[in-house]
Protein backbone atom coordinates (compact mmCIF):
# COMPACT_ATOMS: atom_id res chain seq x y z
CA MET A 1 106.31 53.04 157.76
CA SER A 2 108.78 53.49 160.62
CA ASN A 3 109.54 56.93 162.04
CA SER A 4 113.13 56.60 160.83
CA GLN A 5 111.85 56.72 157.24
CA LEU A 6 109.87 59.92 157.84
CA PRO A 7 111.25 63.45 157.83
CA THR A 8 111.59 65.34 161.07
CA ARG A 9 109.59 68.53 161.39
CA ASP A 10 112.75 70.57 160.95
CA GLN A 11 113.47 68.68 157.74
CA VAL A 12 109.92 69.27 156.52
CA ILE A 13 110.20 73.02 157.07
CA ALA A 14 113.62 73.21 155.41
CA ILE A 15 112.52 71.21 152.34
CA CYS A 16 109.40 73.32 151.87
CA GLU A 17 111.26 76.60 152.31
CA ALA A 18 113.74 75.48 149.65
CA ASN A 19 110.85 74.50 147.36
CA GLY A 20 109.28 77.93 147.68
CA PRO A 21 105.89 79.32 148.76
CA LYS A 22 104.08 79.02 145.42
CA SER A 23 103.92 75.21 145.46
CA ASN A 24 101.45 73.32 147.64
CA GLY A 25 103.47 70.12 147.76
CA VAL A 26 106.88 68.52 147.44
CA GLU A 27 108.18 64.96 147.31
CA PHE A 28 110.34 63.90 150.26
CA ASN A 29 111.05 60.47 148.84
CA SER A 30 109.26 57.86 146.71
CA ARG A 31 106.91 57.04 149.61
CA VAL A 32 106.29 60.42 151.30
CA TRP A 33 104.64 63.60 150.00
CA ILE A 34 104.48 66.89 151.90
CA LYS A 35 101.55 69.21 151.29
CA TYR A 36 102.01 72.69 152.70
CA GLY A 37 100.89 76.28 152.39
CA ILE A 38 99.09 79.15 154.05
CA ASP A 39 95.75 77.75 152.86
CA VAL A 40 96.45 74.18 154.04
CA THR A 41 94.71 73.30 157.31
CA GLU A 42 94.94 70.81 160.12
CA ALA A 43 91.20 70.23 159.66
CA GLU A 44 91.72 68.73 156.20
CA ALA A 45 94.38 66.40 157.61
CA ILE A 46 91.88 65.21 160.24
CA ILE A 47 89.27 64.42 157.58
CA GLN A 48 91.82 62.79 155.28
CA GLN A 49 93.02 60.45 158.03
CA HIS A 50 89.43 59.71 159.08
CA ILE A 51 88.61 58.65 155.51
CA HIS A 52 91.78 56.56 155.35
CA ASP A 53 90.81 54.80 158.59
CA HIS A 54 87.15 54.14 157.77
CA ALA A 55 86.88 53.66 153.99
CA ASN A 56 86.90 50.30 152.26
CA HIS A 57 90.24 50.60 150.46
CA ASP A 58 89.09 48.40 147.60
CA ILE A 59 86.51 51.09 146.77
CA LEU A 60 88.15 54.34 147.90
CA TYR A 61 91.66 55.09 149.06
CA THR A 62 93.14 58.30 150.38
CA PRO A 63 96.76 58.58 151.51
CA LYS A 64 97.60 58.04 155.16
CA VAL A 65 98.59 61.12 157.17
CA TYR A 66 101.85 60.62 159.09
CA ASP A 67 102.09 64.06 160.66
CA CYS A 68 100.47 67.49 160.55
CA PHE A 69 101.62 70.69 162.22
CA THR A 70 101.38 74.45 161.87
CA VAL A 71 104.18 76.98 162.23
CA GLU A 72 103.69 80.70 162.76
CA GLN A 73 106.85 82.79 162.70
CA PRO A 74 107.11 86.53 163.47
CA GLY A 75 106.47 88.61 160.38
CA MET A 76 105.31 85.60 158.35
CA MET A 77 101.94 84.01 157.62
CA ARG A 78 101.20 80.75 159.38
CA THR A 79 101.95 77.65 157.33
CA THR A 80 100.52 74.18 157.82
CA TYR A 81 102.41 71.05 156.77
CA ILE A 82 100.81 67.65 156.09
CA VAL A 83 103.26 64.76 155.83
CA GLN A 84 101.45 61.99 154.03
CA GLU A 85 101.74 58.80 152.06
CA MET A 86 102.67 59.24 148.40
CA SER A 87 99.90 58.31 145.98
CA THR A 88 100.59 55.06 144.16
CA GLY A 89 98.16 55.84 141.36
CA VAL A 90 98.23 57.55 137.99
CA PRO A 91 96.55 60.96 137.58
CA PHE A 92 93.17 60.47 135.92
CA ALA A 93 94.06 62.67 132.93
CA GLU A 94 97.09 60.47 132.25
CA TYR A 95 95.09 57.31 132.89
CA LYS A 96 92.62 58.31 130.16
CA LYS A 97 95.44 58.63 127.61
CA GLN A 98 97.19 55.37 128.49
CA TRP A 99 94.12 53.14 129.02
CA PRO A 100 91.31 54.68 126.91
CA SER A 101 89.36 51.41 126.73
CA ALA A 102 89.08 51.34 130.55
CA VAL A 103 87.91 54.93 131.04
CA GLU A 104 84.16 54.26 131.14
CA GLU A 105 84.66 51.58 133.78
CA MET A 106 86.78 54.00 135.79
CA TYR A 107 84.04 56.66 135.69
CA ILE A 108 81.70 54.11 137.29
CA LYS A 109 84.32 53.21 139.91
CA ILE A 110 84.87 56.88 140.72
CA GLY A 111 81.12 57.33 141.17
CA ASP A 112 81.05 54.29 143.46
CA ALA A 113 83.99 55.70 145.44
CA VAL A 114 82.22 59.02 146.00
CA CYS A 115 79.01 57.26 147.08
CA HIS A 116 81.10 55.20 149.50
CA LEU A 117 82.61 58.41 150.89
CA TRP A 118 79.14 59.79 151.54
CA LYS A 119 78.32 56.82 153.77
CA ILE A 120 81.18 57.54 156.17
CA GLU A 121 79.96 59.42 159.21
CA PRO A 122 82.06 62.38 160.39
CA SER A 123 83.86 62.23 163.72
CA TYR A 124 82.39 65.56 164.84
CA GLN A 125 78.94 67.17 165.11
CA ASN A 126 79.08 70.60 163.49
CA ILE A 127 78.53 71.48 159.82
CA GLY A 128 81.68 72.20 157.81
CA PRO A 129 85.24 71.27 158.72
CA PRO A 130 86.33 70.09 162.20
CA LYS A 131 88.26 72.10 164.82
CA GLY A 132 86.03 75.15 164.38
CA GLN A 133 87.49 75.99 160.98
CA ILE A 134 85.42 78.37 158.86
CA PRO A 135 84.17 76.67 155.66
CA HIS A 136 85.66 77.86 152.38
CA GLY A 137 85.90 76.62 148.80
CA ARG A 138 83.84 76.70 145.60
CA PHE A 139 80.58 77.33 147.46
CA PHE A 140 81.78 79.68 150.20
CA SER A 141 84.54 81.34 148.10
CA ASP A 142 88.25 81.28 148.90
CA TYR A 143 87.61 83.88 151.61
CA GLY A 144 85.28 81.55 153.47
CA ALA A 145 81.86 81.90 155.04
CA GLY A 146 83.10 84.21 157.78
CA ARG A 147 81.43 82.03 160.40
CA THR A 148 80.82 78.45 161.45
CA PHE A 149 77.54 76.48 161.50
CA GLN A 150 76.23 74.06 164.09
CA ASN A 151 73.66 72.33 161.88
CA VAL A 152 71.97 72.34 158.47
CA ALA A 153 69.22 74.66 159.71
CA GLU A 154 71.76 77.39 160.55
CA LEU A 155 73.41 77.02 157.15
CA GLN A 156 70.06 77.16 155.37
CA VAL A 157 68.91 80.27 157.24
CA TRP A 158 72.24 81.97 156.46
CA ILE A 159 71.95 81.25 152.71
CA ASN A 160 68.29 82.26 152.53
CA THR A 161 68.93 85.48 154.43
CA ILE A 162 71.55 86.45 151.84
CA LEU A 163 69.04 85.70 149.06
CA GLU A 164 66.29 87.67 150.82
CA ASN A 165 68.53 90.69 151.47
CA ALA A 166 69.45 90.72 147.78
CA GLY A 167 65.76 90.80 146.84
CA ARG A 168 65.80 87.32 145.31
CA PRO A 169 62.75 85.06 145.56
CA GLU A 170 64.67 81.76 145.46
CA ARG A 171 65.07 79.78 148.68
CA VAL A 172 67.18 76.78 149.62
CA ASN A 173 65.63 73.80 151.39
CA CYS A 174 68.21 71.22 152.50
CA SER A 175 66.42 70.27 155.70
CA GLN A 176 65.93 66.65 154.59
CA GLN A 177 69.58 66.16 153.56
CA VAL A 178 71.62 64.39 156.23
CA PRO A 179 75.07 65.97 156.58
CA ARG A 180 77.89 63.60 155.70
CA LEU A 181 81.51 64.00 154.70
CA ARG A 182 81.78 65.67 151.29
CA HIS A 183 84.95 66.38 149.36
CA CYS A 184 83.50 69.49 147.63
CA ASP A 185 86.25 69.67 144.99
CA LEU A 186 85.73 66.54 142.88
CA THR A 187 87.77 67.58 139.84
CA GLN A 188 89.57 65.09 137.62
CA PHE A 189 92.81 66.53 139.02
CA LYS A 190 92.01 65.17 142.48
CA PHE A 191 91.61 61.56 141.32
CA HIS A 192 94.32 59.00 140.72
CA ALA A 193 93.75 55.43 139.55
CA GLN A 194 95.84 52.29 139.93
CA PRO A 195 95.98 50.69 136.46
CA HIS A 196 96.16 47.06 137.57
CA THR A 197 93.88 47.07 140.62
CA LYS A 198 91.52 49.82 139.32
CA ARG A 199 91.64 51.30 142.82
CA VAL A 200 90.36 54.89 143.05
CA ILE A 201 92.54 57.33 145.01
CA LEU A 202 91.09 60.68 146.10
CA LEU A 203 93.44 63.50 147.08
CA ASP A 204 93.43 67.02 148.54
CA TRP A 205 90.74 67.48 151.19
CA GLY A 206 91.11 71.25 151.63
CA ASP A 207 87.45 72.09 150.84
CA SER A 208 85.98 69.07 152.59
CA GLY A 209 83.65 68.93 155.55
CA SER A 210 80.33 67.65 156.82
CA PHE A 211 77.68 69.14 154.52
CA PRO A 212 74.32 68.36 152.89
CA VAL A 213 74.83 66.66 149.54
CA ALA A 214 73.60 69.73 147.61
CA LEU A 215 76.95 71.44 148.26
CA GLU A 216 78.79 68.51 146.65
CA GLU A 217 76.53 68.79 143.62
CA TYR A 218 77.11 72.53 143.37
CA ALA A 219 80.88 72.03 143.48
CA LEU A 220 80.56 69.70 140.47
CA ILE A 221 78.38 71.94 138.32
CA HIS A 222 80.64 74.88 139.12
CA GLN A 223 83.34 73.10 137.10
CA ILE A 224 81.35 72.39 133.94
CA ASN A 225 82.72 75.38 132.00
CA LEU A 226 86.21 75.09 133.49
CA PRO A 227 89.15 72.86 132.46
CA GLY A 228 88.07 69.30 133.20
CA GLY A 229 84.41 70.17 132.59
CA TYR A 230 83.69 66.96 130.71
CA PHE A 231 84.76 64.96 133.76
CA ALA A 232 82.46 67.07 135.96
CA ARG A 233 79.48 66.44 133.66
CA LYS A 234 80.16 62.70 133.56
CA LEU A 235 80.57 62.43 137.31
CA HIS A 236 77.46 64.54 137.94
CA LYS A 237 75.46 62.13 135.78
CA GLU A 238 76.89 59.15 137.69
CA LEU A 239 76.00 60.67 141.07
CA PHE A 240 72.86 62.74 140.47
CA GLY A 241 71.42 61.73 137.11
CA SER A 242 70.91 63.82 133.98
CA GLU A 243 69.05 66.72 135.58
CA LEU A 244 70.14 69.29 138.15
CA SER A 245 68.43 69.06 141.52
CA VAL A 246 65.92 71.75 142.50
CA GLN A 247 68.40 73.17 145.02
CA MET A 248 70.91 74.19 142.33
CA ARG A 249 69.07 77.31 141.16
CA PRO A 250 68.94 79.02 144.59
CA LEU A 251 72.46 77.82 145.45
CA CYS A 252 73.86 79.21 142.20
CA ARG A 253 72.05 82.50 142.79
CA TYR A 254 73.47 82.68 146.33
CA VAL A 255 77.02 82.05 145.04
CA HIS A 256 76.61 84.79 142.41
CA ILE A 257 75.51 87.25 145.10
CA ASN A 258 78.32 86.18 147.40
CA ALA A 259 80.91 86.59 144.66
CA PHE A 260 79.64 89.62 142.77
CA GLY A 261 77.10 91.28 145.04
CA GLY A 262 73.96 90.52 143.06
């Protein structure tokens, strides 16, 4: 797409201000979507574009990033804007209603797409998001970890110290899990599907980063009793089998302590 078809940064800011602060995205035209907000980050744009550049698009597609910038105005919270390609797919919930006979095949394709994602090496060395961003999301809470991690060993020690200080006997052992790019928010609301090509489109990389695979599994089981829980159970079975891994008990205990204090 040529630059003449893209909004200027001034246009982006004006459109988003008119749309209001409670929305995390707005359509610029039929080909361009703008994601924005105080919880949107440049780090997620970096990962999104990295996936776009390195994934096999027949297996997994994520929209191209055209621009990303952050604005901090006096007296206002900083806002990040991601100007990106509009998804050409149908939301998975709608896809299920319109093409019910193809849903089981799509579950398999979504599982294949996630496995393909896990094979893509990150473009940076540390654990978590790039650019020194503090990890946040379903595992670390919306407030974040409060720190960054250089490797899996640091992350593991941090989790186990929290468990030990709370008097819990459980311990995490992710030392054999190679960190790879994980989405960490694989809800049915983040997947689109193209009806004719069956292409899987994965959106919204705000919780993503380089992590051991146990954190991806936790993010799935966290959803089981939430809206879209059936999708989470199905996808968990596609990716991990019928049983929870041994790391889920200590990880769930850690999250409970982190969220509620014990």
